[in-house]
């Protein structure tokens, strides 16, 4: 009985850690999408898109690691990569998740 309870406890703990990573990945993807879209709108308005993306990423609990723009003022694609920390308290597990999003002008 103690062995079965130990296995159930281990499986429950693993499920909680997995759920934490899944939630962090969803939040990172949402923040990356919003940052990329905000950067594209800012670029169309003649502003610094990467500065806007950095602020949007920070407002959403992530850190922007890269921001690249390819193209000119009219036809471009901006790519944003954000990193979101994951706190597990277990040594050896990843401590962050990464997400990338791309956006361009409205057509």
Protein backbone atom coordinates (compact mmCIF):
# COMPACT_ATOMS: atom_id res chain seq x y z
CA UNK A 1 0.00 0.00 0.00
CA UNK A 2 2.82 2.41 0.84
CA UNK A 3 4.46 1.62 -2.50
CA UNK A 4 1.26 2.35 -4.42
CA UNK A 5 0.82 5.65 -2.59
CA UNK A 6 4.43 6.55 -3.35
CA UNK A 7 3.92 5.87 -7.04
CA UNK A 8 0.70 7.91 -7.07
CA UNK A 9 2.46 10.78 -5.32
CA UNK A 10 5.31 10.69 -7.83
CA UNK A 11 2.89 10.64 -10.77
CA UNK A 12 0.88 13.50 -9.29
CA UNK A 13 4.00 15.59 -8.76
CA UNK A 14 5.17 14.91 -12.33
CA UNK A 15 1.74 15.92 -13.65
CA UNK A 16 1.86 19.20 -11.72
CA UNK A 17 5.34 19.99 -13.13
CA UNK A 18 4.18 19.12 -16.65
CA UNK A 19 1.12 21.34 -16.26
CA UNK A 20 3.39 24.18 -15.14
CA UNK A 21 5.50 23.83 -18.27
CA UNK A 22 2.43 23.65 -20.52
CA UNK A 23 0.95 26.78 -18.93
CA UNK A 24 4.27 28.64 -19.22
CA UNK A 25 4.59 27.61 -22.88
CA UNK A 26 1.07 28.90 -23.66
CA UNK A 27 1.79 32.18 -21.88
CA UNK A 28 5.10 32.57 -23.72
CA UNK A 29 3.44 31.93 -27.10
CA UNK A 30 0.71 34.46 -26.34
CA UNK A 31 3.27 37.06 -25.24
CA UNK A 32 5.38 36.44 -28.37
CA UNK A 33 2.33 36.80 -30.63
CA UNK A 34 1.26 40.03 -28.95
CA UNK A 35 4.80 41.44 -29.02
CA UNK A 36 5.25 40.63 -32.73
CA UNK A 37 1.88 42.13 -33.66
CA UNK A 38 2.59 45.24 -31.59
CA UNK A 39 6.00 45.59 -33.25
CA UNK A 40 4.44 45.34 -36.72
CA UNK A 41 1.88 48.04 -35.90
CA UNK A 42 4.62 50.26 -34.46
CA UNK A 43 6.80 49.82 -37.55
CA UNK A 44 3.88 50.77 -39.79
CA UNK A 45 3.46 53.92 -37.69
CA UNK A 46 7.16 54.77 -38.13
CA UNK A 47 8.17 53.85 -34.57
CA UNK A 48 10.85 51.49 -33.23
CA UNK A 49 9.05 48.14 -33.37
CA UNK A 50 11.60 46.26 -31.29
CA UNK A 51 11.35 48.76 -28.43
CA UNK A 52 7.57 48.34 -28.44
CA UNK A 53 7.92 44.54 -28.57
CA UNK A 54 10.35 44.60 -25.63
CA UNK A 55 7.88 46.60 -23.52
CA UNK A 56 4.93 44.38 -24.48
CA UNK A 57 6.93 41.26 -23.66
CA UNK A 58 7.89 42.68 -20.26
CA UNK A 59 4.28 43.66 -19.56
CA UNK A 60 3.31 40.03 -20.18
CA UNK A 61 5.85 38.47 -17.81
CA UNK A 62 8.41 37.49 -20.43
CA UNK A 63 11.78 38.77 -21.59
CA UNK A 64 12.44 39.47 -25.26
CA UNK A 65 15.62 37.74 -26.34
CA UNK A 66 15.65 38.64 -30.05
CA UNK A 67 13.82 40.96 -32.41
CA UNK A 68 14.57 40.92 -36.14
CA UNK A 69 13.00 42.87 -38.96
CA UNK A 70 13.38 41.86 -42.60
CA UNK A 71 12.12 44.09 -45.40
CA UNK A 72 11.35 47.75 -45.89
CA UNK A 73 8.77 50.11 -44.39
CA UNK A 74 5.98 48.80 -46.64
CA UNK A 75 6.67 45.07 -46.93
CA UNK A 76 8.37 43.50 -43.91
CA UNK A 77 8.27 40.68 -41.38
CA UNK A 78 9.23 41.16 -37.75
CA UNK A 79 10.25 38.12 -35.69
CA UNK A 80 10.23 38.19 -31.91
CA UNK A 81 11.56 35.56 -29.51
CA UNK A 82 10.57 35.70 -25.85
CA UNK A 83 11.64 33.72 -22.81
CA UNK A 84 9.41 32.96 -19.82
CA UNK A 85 10.82 31.63 -16.55
CA UNK A 86 9.48 28.41 -15.04
CA UNK A 87 9.95 27.83 -11.33
CA UNK A 88 10.03 24.16 -10.40
CA UNK A 89 12.45 24.10 -7.50
CA UNK A 90 14.02 20.93 -8.88
CA UNK A 91 17.64 20.95 -10.00
CA UNK A 92 18.19 19.68 -13.51
CA UNK A 93 14.81 20.69 -14.95
CA UNK A 94 14.69 23.54 -17.47
CA UNK A 95 14.12 26.93 -15.87
CA UNK A 96 12.59 28.70 -18.88
CA UNK A 97 10.52 28.20 -22.01
CA UNK A 98 10.99 30.01 -25.32
CA UNK A 99 8.47 31.09 -27.95
CA UNK A 100 8.84 32.75 -31.35
CA UNK A 101 6.26 34.72 -33.35
CA UNK A 102 6.27 36.50 -36.69
CA UNK A 103 4.11 39.37 -37.94
CA UNK A 104 3.95 41.68 -40.91
CA UNK A 105 1.89 44.53 -42.30
CA UNK A 106 -1.84 44.35 -42.81
CA UNK A 107 -2.79 43.73 -46.42
